[in-house]
Amino acid sequence: MFRKLSDSVLASPQIEVADVAAAAAQGVTLIINNRPEGESDDQTPGAEIAAAAQAAGLAYVEIPVTHAGFSQAQVEAMSQALSAAGGSVLAYCRSGTRSTLLWALAEASQGGDPDTIAAHAAAAGYDITPVRALVDMLAAGKS
């Protein structure tokens, strides 16, 4: 269920409370929830995931992303969360796509190579085409 974006970042569709233990067993130290609360009736509330993360000794951050797109503040928050994680990170949303796209933008904002970012996302089953122009722009701004 968890898909590897890099050596330290995993993306996933919606997780359940039981998945927190599995994430911890895989070395995850931070869970990032990219899903807005109440997006669908079948999603596990963020507070339940946060409580399970705390019980497992994991950090938990919410950076909700709607289908309206990504803001600079969200990219900065993701970048800061990834930098401060001190271990592996699991980011999730409904399908894992928004988490992957936000990861790609954060990586590019820190000078990551767009082609490498795209290749890692593709290897995990995600396509960054919707944000590729912005990834290129952010990466160029750091070079």
N, C-alpha and C. Protein backbone atom coordinates (compact mmCIF):
# COMPACT_ATOMS: atom_id res chain seq x y z
N MET A 1 0.82 -1.20 0.00
CA MET A 1 0.00 0.00 0.00
C MET A 1 0.86 1.26 0.00
N PHE A 2 1.96 1.27 0.77
CA PHE A 2 2.84 2.43 0.79
C PHE A 2 3.74 2.36 -0.44
N ARG A 3 3.84 3.49 -1.13
CA ARG A 3 4.66 3.53 -2.35
C ARG A 3 5.87 4.42 -2.12
N LYS A 4 7.03 3.94 -2.51
CA LYS A 4 8.30 4.63 -2.24
C LYS A 4 8.56 5.73 -3.27
N LEU A 5 8.62 6.99 -2.78
CA LEU A 5 8.95 8.12 -3.65
C LEU A 5 10.45 8.42 -3.60
N SER A 6 11.05 8.17 -2.46
CA SER A 6 12.49 8.37 -2.29
C SER A 6 12.94 7.45 -1.15
N ASP A 7 14.20 7.54 -0.79
CA ASP A 7 14.70 6.69 0.30
C ASP A 7 14.02 7.01 1.63
N SER A 8 13.46 8.21 1.74
CA SER A 8 12.87 8.60 3.02
C SER A 8 11.40 9.02 2.96
N VAL A 9 10.79 8.94 1.77
CA VAL A 9 9.40 9.39 1.64
C VAL A 9 8.55 8.32 0.96
N LEU A 10 7.41 8.03 1.61
CA LEU A 10 6.42 7.11 1.07
C LEU A 10 5.12 7.86 0.85
N ALA A 11 4.37 7.47 -0.16
CA ALA A 11 3.05 8.04 -0.40
C ALA A 11 2.04 6.90 -0.32
N SER A 12 0.80 7.27 0.02
CA SER A 12 -0.22 6.24 0.17
C SER A 12 -1.60 6.82 -0.05
N PRO A 13 -2.51 5.97 -0.53
CA PRO A 13 -3.92 6.33 -0.46
C PRO A 13 -4.32 6.40 1.02
N GLN A 14 -5.54 6.81 1.28
CA GLN A 14 -6.07 6.95 2.65
C GLN A 14 -5.62 5.79 3.53
N ILE A 15 -5.08 6.10 4.70
CA ILE A 15 -4.68 5.07 5.64
C ILE A 15 -5.74 4.93 6.73
N GLU A 16 -5.67 3.82 7.41
CA GLU A 16 -6.55 3.53 8.55
C GLU A 16 -5.68 3.54 9.81
N VAL A 17 -6.31 3.52 10.95
CA VAL A 17 -5.59 3.52 12.22
C VAL A 17 -4.59 2.36 12.28
N ALA A 18 -4.99 1.19 11.82
CA ALA A 18 -4.11 0.01 11.86
C ALA A 18 -2.86 0.19 10.99
N ASP A 19 -2.94 1.03 9.98
CA ASP A 19 -1.79 1.25 9.10
C ASP A 19 -0.67 2.03 9.78
N VAL A 20 -0.99 2.73 10.85
CA VAL A 20 0.02 3.52 11.56
C VAL A 20 1.10 2.59 12.11
N ALA A 21 0.71 1.47 12.69
CA ALA A 21 1.67 0.51 13.21
C ALA A 21 2.54 -0.06 12.09
N ALA A 22 1.92 -0.33 10.94
CA ALA A 22 2.69 -0.83 9.80
C ALA A 22 3.71 0.21 9.34
N ALA A 23 3.30 1.47 9.34
CA ALA A 23 4.22 2.54 8.96
C ALA A 23 5.39 2.62 9.94
N ALA A 24 5.08 2.56 11.23
CA ALA A 24 6.13 2.61 12.24
C ALA A 24 7.10 1.45 12.08
N ALA A 25 6.56 0.26 11.75
CA ALA A 25 7.41 -0.92 11.56
C ALA A 25 8.34 -0.76 10.36
N GLN A 26 7.96 0.11 9.42
CA GLN A 26 8.80 0.36 8.25
C GLN A 26 9.74 1.54 8.46
N GLY A 27 9.81 2.05 9.68
CA GLY A 27 10.75 3.12 10.00
C GLY A 27 10.21 4.52 9.83
N VAL A 28 8.91 4.66 9.58
CA VAL A 28 8.32 5.99 9.45
C VAL A 28 8.34 6.69 10.80
N THR A 29 8.74 7.97 10.79
CA THR A 29 8.76 8.76 12.02
C THR A 29 7.77 9.92 11.96
N LEU A 30 7.26 10.21 10.76
CA LEU A 30 6.31 11.31 10.57
C LEU A 30 5.24 10.90 9.57
N ILE A 31 3.99 11.16 9.92
CA ILE A 31 2.87 10.96 9.01
C ILE A 31 2.34 12.33 8.63
N ILE A 32 2.21 12.56 7.32
CA ILE A 32 1.66 13.82 6.81
C ILE A 32 0.32 13.53 6.16
N ASN A 33 -0.71 14.17 6.68
CA ASN A 33 -2.07 14.03 6.15
C ASN A 33 -2.31 15.18 5.18
N ASN A 34 -2.44 14.87 3.89
CA ASN A 34 -2.70 15.87 2.87
C ASN A 34 -4.17 15.92 2.47
N ARG A 35 -5.01 15.30 3.26
CA ARG A 35 -6.43 15.20 2.91
C ARG A 35 -7.26 16.17 3.75
N PRO A 36 -8.08 16.99 3.12
CA PRO A 36 -8.95 17.86 3.91
C PRO A 36 -9.94 17.03 4.73
N GLU A 37 -10.20 17.48 5.93
CA GLU A 37 -11.14 16.77 6.80
C GLU A 37 -12.53 16.80 6.17
N GLY A 38 -13.23 15.67 6.23
CA GLY A 38 -14.59 15.61 5.71
C GLY A 38 -14.70 15.57 4.20
N GLU A 39 -13.62 15.23 3.52
CA GLU A 39 -13.64 15.18 2.06
C GLU A 39 -14.61 14.11 1.54
N SER A 40 -14.70 13.01 2.27
CA SER A 40 -15.66 11.97 1.91
C SER A 40 -16.12 11.26 3.18
N ASP A 41 -17.27 10.63 3.09
CA ASP A 41 -17.86 9.98 4.25
C ASP A 41 -17.06 8.77 4.72
N ASP A 42 -16.28 8.17 3.82
CA ASP A 42 -15.59 6.93 4.18
C ASP A 42 -14.16 7.13 4.68
N GLN A 43 -13.70 8.37 4.81
CA GLN A 43 -12.32 8.57 5.23
C GLN A 43 -12.19 8.50 6.75
N THR A 44 -11.06 7.98 7.20
CA THR A 44 -10.76 7.95 8.63
C THR A 44 -10.43 9.37 9.06
N PRO A 45 -11.08 9.89 10.10
CA PRO A 45 -10.79 11.25 10.55
C PRO A 45 -9.32 11.44 10.91
N GLY A 46 -8.80 12.60 10.56
CA GLY A 46 -7.41 12.91 10.85
C GLY A 46 -7.09 12.79 12.33
N ALA A 47 -8.03 13.16 13.20
CA ALA A 47 -7.79 13.07 14.64
C ALA A 47 -7.52 11.64 15.08
N GLU A 48 -8.17 10.67 14.44
CA GLU A 48 -7.93 9.26 14.78
C GLU A 48 -6.54 8.82 14.34
N ILE A 49 -6.14 9.26 13.15
CA ILE A 49 -4.78 8.94 12.68
C ILE A 49 -3.76 9.61 13.57
N ALA A 50 -4.00 10.89 13.94
CA ALA A 50 -3.09 11.64 14.80
C ALA A 50 -2.93 10.94 16.15
N ALA A 51 -4.03 10.47 16.72
CA ALA A 51 -3.97 9.79 18.01
C ALA A 51 -3.19 8.48 17.91
N ALA A 52 -3.42 7.74 16.83
CA ALA A 52 -2.68 6.49 16.62
C ALA A 52 -1.19 6.77 16.41
N ALA A 53 -0.89 7.83 15.68
CA ALA A 53 0.51 8.21 15.47
C ALA A 53 1.18 8.55 16.80
N GLN A 54 0.51 9.36 17.60
CA GLN A 54 1.06 9.74 18.90
C GLN A 54 1.28 8.51 19.77
N ALA A 55 0.32 7.60 19.78
CA ALA A 55 0.44 6.37 20.57
C ALA A 55 1.61 5.52 20.11
N ALA A 56 1.93 5.59 18.82
CA ALA A 56 3.03 4.81 18.26
C ALA A 56 4.36 5.56 18.31
N GLY A 57 4.34 6.77 18.86
CA GLY A 57 5.56 7.56 18.96
C GLY A 57 5.95 8.26 17.68
N LEU A 58 4.98 8.46 16.78
CA LEU A 58 5.25 9.12 15.51
C LEU A 58 4.73 10.55 15.53
N ALA A 59 5.40 11.41 14.81
CA ALA A 59 4.92 12.78 14.63
C ALA A 59 3.81 12.76 13.58
N TYR A 60 2.95 13.78 13.63
CA TYR A 60 1.82 13.86 12.71
C TYR A 60 1.62 15.33 12.33
N VAL A 61 1.46 15.59 11.03
CA VAL A 61 1.25 16.94 10.52
C VAL A 61 0.12 16.91 9.52
N GLU A 62 -0.73 17.92 9.54
CA GLU A 62 -1.77 18.07 8.53
C GLU A 62 -1.41 19.21 7.59
N ILE A 63 -1.35 18.91 6.31
CA ILE A 63 -1.17 19.91 5.26
C ILE A 63 -2.24 19.60 4.21
N PRO A 64 -3.50 19.98 4.50
CA PRO A 64 -4.59 19.60 3.60
C PRO A 64 -4.49 20.29 2.24
N VAL A 65 -4.74 19.50 1.21
CA VAL A 65 -4.72 19.99 -0.17
C VAL A 65 -6.08 19.67 -0.80
N THR A 66 -6.77 20.68 -1.27
CA THR A 66 -8.03 20.45 -1.96
C THR A 66 -7.74 20.26 -3.45
N HIS A 67 -8.77 19.96 -4.20
CA HIS A 67 -8.59 19.80 -5.64
C HIS A 67 -8.39 21.14 -6.35
N ALA A 68 -8.43 22.24 -5.59
CA ALA A 68 -8.21 23.56 -6.17
C ALA A 68 -6.75 23.79 -6.55
N GLY A 69 -5.86 22.99 -6.01
CA GLY A 69 -4.45 23.14 -6.36
C GLY A 69 -3.57 23.40 -5.16
N PHE A 70 -2.36 23.83 -5.44
CA PHE A 70 -1.32 23.96 -4.42
C PHE A 70 -0.95 25.42 -4.22
N SER A 71 -0.72 25.79 -2.96
CA SER A 71 -0.28 27.15 -2.66
C SER A 71 1.19 27.13 -2.26
N GLN A 72 1.80 28.29 -2.30
CA GLN A 72 3.18 28.42 -1.85
C GLN A 72 3.30 27.99 -0.39
N ALA A 73 2.31 28.36 0.42
CA ALA A 73 2.33 28.00 1.84
C ALA A 73 2.33 26.49 2.03
N GLN A 74 1.57 25.78 1.21
CA GLN A 74 1.54 24.31 1.31
C GLN A 74 2.89 23.71 0.91
N VAL A 75 3.48 24.24 -0.16
CA VAL A 75 4.79 23.75 -0.61
C VAL A 75 5.83 23.98 0.49
N GLU A 76 5.80 25.17 1.09
CA GLU A 76 6.76 25.48 2.16
C GLU A 76 6.52 24.59 3.38
N ALA A 77 5.26 24.38 3.74
CA ALA A 77 4.95 23.53 4.89
C ALA A 77 5.43 22.10 4.65
N MET A 78 5.22 21.58 3.44
CA MET A 78 5.66 20.23 3.11
C MET A 78 7.18 20.16 3.15
N SER A 79 7.83 21.15 2.58
CA SER A 79 9.29 21.18 2.57
C SER A 79 9.84 21.19 3.99
N GLN A 80 9.26 22.02 4.84
CA GLN A 80 9.71 22.11 6.23
C GLN A 80 9.46 20.79 6.97
N ALA A 81 8.30 20.19 6.75
CA ALA A 81 7.99 18.92 7.42
C ALA A 81 8.97 17.83 7.00
N LEU A 82 9.27 17.76 5.71
CA LEU A 82 10.20 16.75 5.22
C LEU A 82 11.60 16.99 5.78
N SER A 83 12.02 18.23 5.84
CA SER A 83 13.36 18.57 6.34
C SER A 83 13.50 18.26 7.82
N ALA A 84 12.44 18.46 8.58
CA ALA A 84 12.50 18.30 10.03
C ALA A 84 12.14 16.89 10.49
N ALA A 85 11.80 16.00 9.58
CA ALA A 85 11.26 14.70 9.95
C ALA A 85 12.22 13.84 10.78
N GLY A 86 13.49 13.88 10.49
CA GLY A 86 14.44 13.07 11.23
C GLY A 86 14.29 11.58 10.99
N GLY A 87 13.67 11.21 9.91
CA GLY A 87 13.46 9.80 9.56
C GLY A 87 12.54 9.71 8.37
N SER A 88 11.99 8.54 8.15
CA SER A 88 11.11 8.34 7.00
C SER A 88 9.75 8.99 7.23
N VAL A 89 9.14 9.37 6.11
CA VAL A 89 7.86 10.08 6.13
C VAL A 89 6.85 9.30 5.30
N LEU A 90 5.61 9.24 5.81
CA LEU A 90 4.50 8.70 5.05
C LEU A 90 3.50 9.83 4.84
N ALA A 91 3.28 10.20 3.57
CA ALA A 91 2.29 11.21 3.24
C ALA A 91 1.11 10.51 2.57
N TYR A 92 -0.11 10.92 2.96
CA TYR A 92 -1.28 10.27 2.37
C TYR A 92 -2.37 11.28 2.05
N CYS A 93 -3.22 10.88 1.10
CA CYS A 93 -4.43 11.62 0.74
C CYS A 93 -5.43 10.56 0.26
N ARG A 94 -6.38 10.93 -0.57
CA ARG A 94 -7.36 9.93 -1.02
C ARG A 94 -6.70 8.83 -1.85
N SER A 95 -5.88 9.21 -2.81
CA SER A 95 -5.25 8.22 -3.69
C SER A 95 -3.73 8.19 -3.59
N GLY A 96 -3.15 9.21 -2.95
CA GLY A 96 -1.70 9.35 -2.90
C GLY A 96 -1.19 10.35 -3.92
N THR A 97 -2.05 10.74 -4.86
CA THR A 97 -1.61 11.65 -5.93
C THR A 97 -1.29 13.05 -5.41
N ARG A 98 -2.18 13.64 -4.64
CA ARG A 98 -1.91 14.99 -4.12
C ARG A 98 -0.67 14.99 -3.24
N SER A 99 -0.50 13.93 -2.44
CA SER A 99 0.70 13.83 -1.61
C SER A 99 1.95 13.78 -2.48
N THR A 100 1.89 13.01 -3.55
CA THR A 100 3.04 12.90 -4.46
C THR A 100 3.32 14.21 -5.16
N LEU A 101 2.27 14.88 -5.64
CA LEU A 101 2.47 16.15 -6.33
C LEU A 101 3.05 17.20 -5.37
N LEU A 102 2.57 17.24 -4.15
CA LEU A 102 3.09 18.19 -3.17
C LEU A 102 4.53 17.85 -2.82
N TRP A 103 4.85 16.58 -2.68
CA TRP A 103 6.23 16.14 -2.46
C TRP A 103 7.12 16.61 -3.61
N ALA A 104 6.65 16.43 -4.85
CA ALA A 104 7.43 16.84 -6.03
C ALA A 104 7.71 18.34 -6.00
N LEU A 105 6.71 19.12 -5.66
CA LEU A 105 6.89 20.57 -5.58
C LEU A 105 7.87 20.94 -4.46
N ALA A 106 7.75 20.28 -3.32
CA ALA A 106 8.66 20.55 -2.21
C ALA A 106 10.09 20.17 -2.58
N GLU A 107 10.26 19.03 -3.21
CA GLU A 107 11.61 18.61 -3.63
C GLU A 107 12.21 19.60 -4.61
N ALA A 108 11.41 20.03 -5.57
CA ALA A 108 11.91 20.99 -6.57
C ALA A 108 12.26 22.32 -5.91
N SER A 109 11.47 22.73 -4.93
CA SER A 109 11.74 24.00 -4.25
C SER A 109 13.04 23.96 -3.47
N GLN A 110 13.52 22.75 -3.19
CA GLN A 110 14.80 22.58 -2.49
C GLN A 110 15.93 22.24 -3.46
N GLY A 111 15.67 22.40 -4.76
CA GLY A 111 16.71 22.19 -5.76
C GLY A 111 16.78 20.80 -6.34
N GLY A 112 15.76 19.98 -6.09
CA GLY A 112 15.74 18.64 -6.66
C GLY A 112 15.64 18.67 -8.18
N ASP A 113 16.22 17.68 -8.81
CA ASP A 113 16.21 17.59 -10.27
C ASP A 113 14.83 17.14 -10.76
N PRO A 114 14.20 17.94 -11.63
CA PRO A 114 12.85 17.60 -12.09
C PRO A 114 12.73 16.22 -12.73
N ASP A 115 13.70 15.84 -13.54
CA ASP A 115 13.63 14.53 -14.20
C ASP A 115 13.72 13.40 -13.19
N THR A 116 14.58 13.56 -12.18
CA THR A 116 14.70 12.56 -11.12
C THR A 116 13.43 12.49 -10.30
N ILE A 117 12.87 13.63 -9.96
CA ILE A 117 11.61 13.68 -9.21
C ILE A 117 10.51 12.95 -9.99
N ALA A 118 10.40 13.27 -11.27
CA ALA A 118 9.37 12.65 -12.12
C ALA A 118 9.59 11.13 -12.21
N ALA A 119 10.84 10.71 -12.34
CA ALA A 119 11.14 9.28 -12.44
C ALA A 119 10.78 8.54 -11.16
N HIS A 120 11.10 9.13 -10.02
CA HIS A 120 10.76 8.49 -8.74
C HIS A 120 9.25 8.38 -8.57
N ALA A 121 8.54 9.45 -8.93
CA ALA A 121 7.08 9.43 -8.83
C ALA A 121 6.51 8.35 -9.75
N ALA A 122 7.02 8.29 -10.98
CA ALA A 122 6.53 7.30 -11.95
C ALA A 122 6.80 5.88 -11.47
N ALA A 123 7.96 5.66 -10.87
CA ALA A 123 8.29 4.33 -10.36
C ALA A 123 7.32 3.91 -9.25
N ALA A 124 6.76 4.89 -8.55
CA ALA A 124 5.78 4.62 -7.50
C ALA A 124 4.35 4.55 -8.04
N GLY A 125 4.21 4.80 -9.36
CA GLY A 125 2.89 4.72 -9.97
C GLY A 125 2.15 6.04 -10.06
N TYR A 126 2.87 7.15 -9.89
CA TYR A 126 2.24 8.47 -9.94
C TYR A 126 2.83 9.31 -11.07
N ASP A 127 2.01 10.19 -11.62
CA ASP A 127 2.39 11.04 -12.75
C ASP A 127 2.37 12.49 -12.28
N ILE A 128 3.52 13.18 -12.37
CA ILE A 128 3.57 14.57 -11.92
C ILE A 128 3.28 15.57 -13.05
N THR A 129 2.83 15.08 -14.19
CA THR A 129 2.53 15.98 -15.32
C THR A 129 1.68 17.19 -14.93
N PRO A 130 0.66 17.04 -14.08
CA PRO A 130 -0.16 18.21 -13.75
C PRO A 130 0.63 19.37 -13.11
N VAL A 131 1.78 19.06 -12.48
CA VAL A 131 2.57 20.13 -11.84
C VAL A 131 3.98 20.22 -12.42
N ARG A 132 4.22 19.53 -13.53
CA ARG A 132 5.60 19.48 -14.06
C ARG A 132 6.16 20.86 -14.40
N ALA A 133 5.36 21.73 -14.99
CA ALA A 133 5.87 23.07 -15.34
C ALA A 133 6.28 23.82 -14.07
N LEU A 134 5.50 23.68 -13.01
CA LEU A 134 5.83 24.35 -11.75
C LEU A 134 7.05 23.70 -11.10
N VAL A 135 7.17 22.38 -11.19
CA VAL A 135 8.37 21.68 -10.69
C VAL A 135 9.60 22.23 -11.40
N ASP A 136 9.53 22.34 -12.72
CA ASP A 136 10.66 22.87 -13.49
C ASP A 136 10.99 24.30 -13.05
N MET A 137 9.97 25.12 -12.87
CA MET A 137 10.18 26.52 -12.47
C MET A 137 10.82 26.61 -11.07
N LEU A 138 10.29 25.83 -10.13
CA LEU A 138 10.83 25.86 -8.77
C LEU A 138 12.28 25.39 -8.75
N ALA A 139 12.56 24.32 -9.49
CA ALA A 139 13.92 23.80 -9.52
C ALA A 139 14.88 24.80 -10.18
N ALA A 140 14.41 25.47 -11.23
CA ALA A 140 15.26 26.46 -11.91
C ALA A 140 15.56 27.63 -10.98
N GLY A 141 14.62 27.96 -10.12
CA GLY A 141 14.83 29.05 -9.18
C GLY A 141 15.86 28.74 -8.11
N LYS A 142 16.18 27.45 -7.93
CA LYS A 142 17.16 27.02 -6.93
C LYS A 142 18.51 26.69 -7.54
N SER A 143 18.61 26.74 -8.87
CA SER A 143 19.89 26.36 -9.50
C SER A 143 20.82 27.53 -9.65
